[in-house]
PDB file of N, CA and C in Angstrom:
ATOM      1  N   MET A   1      16.300-192.877-139.516  1.00  0.00           N
ATOM      2  CA  MET A   1      16.468-191.842-140.516  1.00  0.00           C
ATOM      3  C   MET A   1      15.316-190.824-140.512  1.00  0.00           C
ATOM      4  N   PRO A   2      14.076-191.244-140.221  1.00  0.00           N
ATOM      5  CA  PRO A   2      12.998-190.242-140.216  1.00  0.00           C
ATOM      6  C   PRO A   2      13.209-189.149-139.166  1.00  0.00           C
ATOM      7  N   THR A   3      13.818-189.493-138.022  1.00  0.00           N
ATOM      8  CA  THR A   3      14.007-188.456-137.010  1.00  0.00           C
ATOM      9  C   THR A   3      15.043-187.432-137.468  1.00  0.00           C
ATOM     10  N   LEU A   4      16.068-187.883-138.201  1.00  0.00           N
ATOM     11  CA  LEU A   4      17.060-186.954-138.734  1.00  0.00           C
ATOM     12  C   LEU A   4      16.414-186.036-139.769  1.00  0.00           C
ATOM     13  N   PHE A   5      15.586-186.610-140.638  1.00  0.00           N
ATOM     14  CA  PHE A   5      14.907-185.802-141.652  1.00  0.00           C
ATOM     15  C   PHE A   5      13.967-184.798-140.990  1.00  0.00           C
ATOM     16  N   ARG A   6      13.250-185.224-139.958  1.00  0.00           N
ATOM     17  CA  ARG A   6      12.341-184.322-139.246  1.00  0.00           C
ATOM     18  C   ARG A   6      13.130-183.190-138.585  1.00  0.00           C
ATOM     19  N   PHE A   7      14.278-183.513-137.979  1.00  0.00           N
ATOM     20  CA  PHE A   7      15.125-182.500-137.354  1.00  0.00           C
ATOM     21  C   PHE A   7      15.614-181.492-138.386  1.00  0.00           C
ATOM     22  N   LEU A   8      16.062-181.971-139.541  1.00  0.00           N
ATOM     23  CA  LEU A   8      16.553-181.065-140.583  1.00  0.00           C
ATOM     24  C   LEU A   8      15.433-180.184-141.128  1.00  0.00           C
ATOM     25  N   VAL A   9      14.244-180.732-141.254  1.00  0.00           N
ATOM     26  CA  VAL A   9      13.106-179.937-141.732  1.00  0.00           C
ATOM     27  C   VAL A   9      12.753-178.859-140.711  1.00  0.00           C
ATOM     28  N   ILE A  10      12.763-179.207-139.432  1.00  0.00           N
ATOM     29  CA  ILE A  10      12.454-178.215-138.394  1.00  0.00           C
ATOM     30  C   ILE A  10      13.507-177.112-138.388  1.00  0.00           C
ATOM     31  N   CYS A  11      14.791-177.492-138.511  1.00  0.00           N
ATOM     32  CA  CYS A  11      15.859-176.481-138.573  1.00  0.00           C
ATOM     33  C   CYS A  11      15.695-175.583-139.798  1.00  0.00           C
ATOM     34  N   ALA A  12      15.320-176.167-140.930  1.00  0.00           N
ATOM     35  CA  ALA A  12      15.125-175.377-142.143  1.00  0.00           C
ATOM     36  C   ALA A  12      13.947-174.420-141.991  1.00  0.00           C
ATOM     37  N   VAL A  13      12.882-174.856-141.349  1.00  0.00           N
ATOM     38  CA  VAL A  13      11.719-173.985-141.141  1.00  0.00           C
ATOM     39  C   VAL A  13      12.081-172.832-140.205  1.00  0.00           C
ATOM     40  N   ILE A  14      12.823-173.120-139.148  1.00  0.00           N
ATOM     41  CA  ILE A  14      13.235-172.060-138.222  1.00  0.00           C
ATOM     42  C   ILE A  14      14.156-171.067-138.923  1.00  0.00           C
ATOM     43  N   ALA A  15      15.129-171.575-139.689  1.00  0.00           N
ATOM     44  CA  ALA A  15      16.045-170.686-140.415  1.00  0.00           C
ATOM     45  C   ALA A  15      15.287-169.858-141.450  1.00  0.00           C
ATOM     46  N   GLY A  16      14.324-170.464-142.131  1.00  0.00           N
ATOM     47  CA  GLY A  16      13.521-169.728-143.103  1.00  0.00           C
ATOM     48  C   GLY A  16      12.675-168.649-142.451  1.00  0.00           C
ATOM     49  N   SER A  17      12.155-168.938-141.266  1.00  0.00           N
ATOM     50  CA  SER A  17      11.367-167.932-140.548  1.00  0.00           C
ATOM     51  C   SER A  17      12.233-166.750-140.133  1.00  0.00           C
ATOM     52  N   ILE A  18      13.431-167.035-139.643  1.00  0.00           N
ATOM     53  CA  ILE A  18      14.342-165.952-139.260  1.00  0.00           C
ATOM     54  C   ILE A  18      14.729-165.133-140.481  1.00  0.00           C
ATOM     55  N   TYR A  19      15.034-165.809-141.587  1.00  0.00           N
ATOM     56  CA  TYR A  19      15.392-165.104-142.815  1.00  0.00           C
ATOM     57  C   TYR A  19      14.222-164.250-143.307  1.00  0.00           C
ATOM     58  N   GLY A  20      13.015-164.777-143.246  1.00  0.00           N
ATOM     59  CA  GLY A  20      11.839-164.022-143.667  1.00  0.00           C
ATOM     60  C   GLY A  20      11.589-162.807-142.790  1.00  0.00           C
ATOM     61  N   ALA A  21      11.802-162.951-141.485  1.00  0.00           N
ATOM     62  CA  ALA A  21      11.623-161.812-140.582  1.00  0.00           C
ATOM     63  C   ALA A  21      12.648-160.726-140.871  1.00  0.00           C
ATOM     64  N   MET A  22      13.884-161.128-141.123  1.00  0.00           N
ATOM     65  CA  MET A  22      14.916-160.134-141.441  1.00  0.00           C
ATOM     66  C   MET A  22      14.605-159.452-142.773  1.00  0.00           C
ATOM     67  N   TRP A  23      14.141-160.197-143.746  1.00  0.00           N
ATOM     68  CA  TRP A  23      13.794-159.625-145.045  1.00  0.00           C
ATOM     69  C   TRP A  23      12.643-158.628-144.893  1.00  0.00           C
ATOM     70  N   ALA A  24      11.649-158.982-144.076  1.00  0.00           N
ATOM     71  CA  ALA A  24      10.517-158.081-143.855  1.00  0.00           C
ATOM     72  C   ALA A  24      10.968-156.796-143.159  1.00  0.00           C
ATOM     73  N   LEU A  25      11.882-156.902-142.197  1.00  0.00           N
ATOM     74  CA  LEU A  25      12.397-155.696-141.541  1.00  0.00           C
ATOM     75  C   LEU A  25      13.109-154.791-142.535  1.00  0.00           C
ATOM     76  N   VAL A  26      13.909-155.375-143.403  1.00  0.00           N
ATOM     77  CA  VAL A  26      14.630-154.573-144.395  1.00  0.00           C
ATOM     78  C   VAL A  26      13.654-153.906-145.354  1.00  0.00           C
ATOM     79  N   LEU A  27      12.611-154.608-145.726  1.00  0.00           N
ATOM     80  CA  LEU A  27      11.691-154.099-146.734  1.00  0.00           C
ATOM     81  C   LEU A  27      10.719-153.058-146.179  1.00  0.00           C
ATOM     82  N   PHE A  28      10.221-153.261-144.964  1.00  0.00           N
ATOM     83  CA  PHE A  28       9.116-152.440-144.479  1.00  0.00           C
ATOM     84  C   PHE A  28       9.487-151.384-143.442  1.00  0.00           C
ATOM     85  N   VAL A  29      10.670-151.436-142.854  1.00  0.00           N
ATOM     86  CA  VAL A  29      11.030-150.492-141.791  1.00  0.00           C
ATOM     87  C   VAL A  29      12.033-149.485-142.336  1.00  0.00           C
ATOM     88  N   ASP A  30      11.679-148.202-142.249  1.00  0.00           N
ATOM     89  CA  ASP A  30      12.576-147.128-142.672  1.00  0.00           C
ATOM     90  C   ASP A  30      13.151-146.442-141.435  1.00  0.00           C
ATOM     91  N   PRO A  31      14.469-146.387-141.316  1.00  0.00           N
ATOM     92  CA  PRO A  31      15.051-145.709-140.154  1.00  0.00           C
ATOM     93  C   PRO A  31      14.842-144.202-140.248  1.00  0.00           C
ATOM     94  N   GLN A  32      14.640-143.577-139.102  1.00  0.00           N
ATOM     95  CA  GLN A  32      14.451-142.134-139.047  1.00  0.00           C
ATOM     96  C   GLN A  32      15.790-141.475-138.729  1.00  0.00           C
ATOM     97  N   PRO A  33      16.327-140.654-139.641  1.00  0.00           N
ATOM     98  CA  PRO A  33      17.591-139.974-139.330  1.00  0.00           C
ATOM     99  C   PRO A  33      17.369-138.908-138.256  1.00  0.00           C
ATOM    100  N   ARG A  34      18.344-138.789-137.363  1.00  0.00           N
ATOM    101  CA  ARG A  34      18.240-137.793-136.304  1.00  0.00           C
ATOM    102  C   ARG A  34      19.640-137.407-135.857  1.00  0.00           C
ATOM    103  N   ASP A  35      19.730-136.240-135.240  1.00  0.00           N
ATOM    104  CA  ASP A  35      21.004-135.764-134.722  1.00  0.00           C
ATOM    105  C   ASP A  35      21.292-136.432-133.381  1.00  0.00           C
ATOM    106  N   VAL A  36      22.545-136.702-133.161  1.00  0.00           N
ATOM    107  CA  VAL A  36      22.965-137.309-131.899  1.00  0.00           C
ATOM    108  C   VAL A  36      23.922-136.353-131.203  1.00  0.00           C
ATOM    109  N   THR A  37      23.611-136.006-129.974  1.00  0.00           N
ATOM    110  CA  THR A  37      24.459-135.123-129.181  1.00  0.00           C
ATOM    111  C   THR A  37      24.874-135.861-127.918  1.00  0.00           C
ATOM    112  N   ILE A  38      26.173-135.930-127.697  1.00  0.00           N
ATOM    113  CA  ILE A  38      26.698-136.580-126.499  1.00  0.00           C
ATOM    114  C   ILE A  38      27.495-135.545-125.723  1.00  0.00           C
ATOM    115  N   ARG A  39      27.099-135.311-124.488  1.00  0.00           N
ATOM    116  CA  ARG A  39      27.807-134.351-123.640  1.00  0.00           C
ATOM    117  C   ARG A  39      28.973-135.059-122.958  1.00  0.00           C
ATOM    118  N   ILE A  40      30.151-134.452-123.092  1.00  0.00           N
ATOM    119  CA  ILE A  40      31.357-134.982-122.461  1.00  0.00           C
ATOM    120  C   ILE A  40      31.764-134.012-121.365  1.00  0.00           C
ATOM    121  N   PRO A  41      31.912-134.489-120.140  1.00  0.00           N
ATOM    122  CA  PRO A  41      32.307-133.589-119.057  1.00  0.00           C
ATOM    123  C   PRO A  41      33.703-133.022-119.314  1.00  0.00           C
ATOM    124  N   PRO A  42      33.948-131.778-118.900  1.00  0.00           N
ATOM    125  CA  PRO A  42      35.263-131.176-119.123  1.00  0.00           C
ATOM    126  C   PRO A  42      36.393-131.952-118.449  1.00  0.00           C
ATOM    127  N   GLU A  43      36.085-132.666-117.371  1.00  0.00           N
ATOM    128  CA  GLU A  43      37.121-133.441-116.692  1.00  0.00           C
ATOM    129  C   GLU A  43      37.687-134.540-117.591  1.00  0.00           C
ATOM    130  N   ARG A  44      36.887-135.032-118.490  1.00  0.00           N
ATOM    131  CA  ARG A  44      37.375-136.079-119.385  1.00  0.00           C
ATOM    132  C   ARG A  44      38.180-135.502-120.534  1.00  0.00           C
ATOM    133  N   LEU A  45      37.897-134.261-120.916  1.00  0.00           N
ATOM    134  CA  LEU A  45      38.655-133.633-121.997  1.00  0.00           C
ATOM    135  C   LEU A  45      40.001-133.128-121.506  1.00  0.00           C
ATOM    136  N   ASN A  46      40.021-132.495-120.333  1.00  0.00           N
ATOM    137  CA  ASN A  46      41.246-131.956-119.744  1.00  0.00           C
ATOM    138  C   ASN A  46      41.438-132.576-118.367  1.00  0.00           C
ATOM    139  N   PRO A  47      41.961-133.789-118.307  1.00  0.00           N
ATOM    140  CA  PRO A  47      42.119-134.409-116.987  1.00  0.00           C
ATOM    141  C   PRO A  47      43.189-133.692-116.180  1.00  0.00           C
ATOM    142  N   PRO A  48      43.016-133.624-114.879  1.00  0.00           N
ATOM    143  CA  PRO A  48      44.033-132.962-114.046  1.00  0.00           C
ATOM    144  C   PRO A  48      45.335-133.760-114.095  1.00  0.00           C
ATOM    145  N   THR A  49      46.434-133.024-114.163  1.00  0.00           N
ATOM    146  CA  THR A  49      47.731-133.688-114.221  1.00  0.00           C
ATOM    147  C   THR A  49      48.135-134.124-112.818  1.00  0.00           C
ATOM    148  N   THR A  50      48.777-135.253-112.746  1.00  0.00           N
ATOM    149  CA  THR A  50      49.283-135.736-111.463  1.00  0.00           C
ATOM    150  C   THR A  50      50.796-135.722-111.521  1.00  0.00           C
ATOM    151  N   GLY A  51      51.400-135.152-110.540  1.00  0.00           N
ATOM    152  CA  GLY A  51      52.850-135.050-110.522  1.00  0.00           C
ATOM    153  C   GLY A  51      53.305-133.746-111.142  1.00  0.00           C
ATOM    154  N   SER A  52      54.576-133.509-111.085  1.00  0.00           N
ATOM    155  CA  SER A  52      55.108-132.260-111.628  1.00  0.00           C
ATOM    156  C   SER A  52      55.686-132.501-113.009  1.00  0.00           C
ATOM    157  N   LEU A  53      55.749-131.449-113.781  1.00  0.00           N
ATOM    158  CA  LEU A  53      56.314-131.523-115.120  1.00  0.00           C
ATOM    159  C   LEU A  53      57.787-131.146-115.132  1.00  0.00           C
ATOM    160  N   LYS A  54      58.327-130.736-113.984  1.00  0.00           N
ATOM    161  CA  LYS A  54      59.731-130.325-113.912  1.00  0.00           C
ATOM    162  C   LYS A  54      60.629-131.557-113.920  1.00  0.00           C
ATOM    163  N   PRO A  55      61.788-131.456-114.599  1.00  0.00           N
ATOM    164  CA  PRO A  55      62.701-132.616-114.625  1.00  0.00           C
ATOM    165  C   PRO A  55      63.442-132.834-113.336  1.00  0.00           C
TER     166      PRO A  55
END
């Protein structure tokens, strides 16, 4: 039984450390807003047609 208790305590300490790190990130880190520009090639907007459109 002591090994199970030791395992559970170690898991709890690891989970608490992860939770504390996430809490610290939320509290102390402010995201910087910025504009995002993505260039799309014209070939992707107007792909060349293949085949004829005639019936």
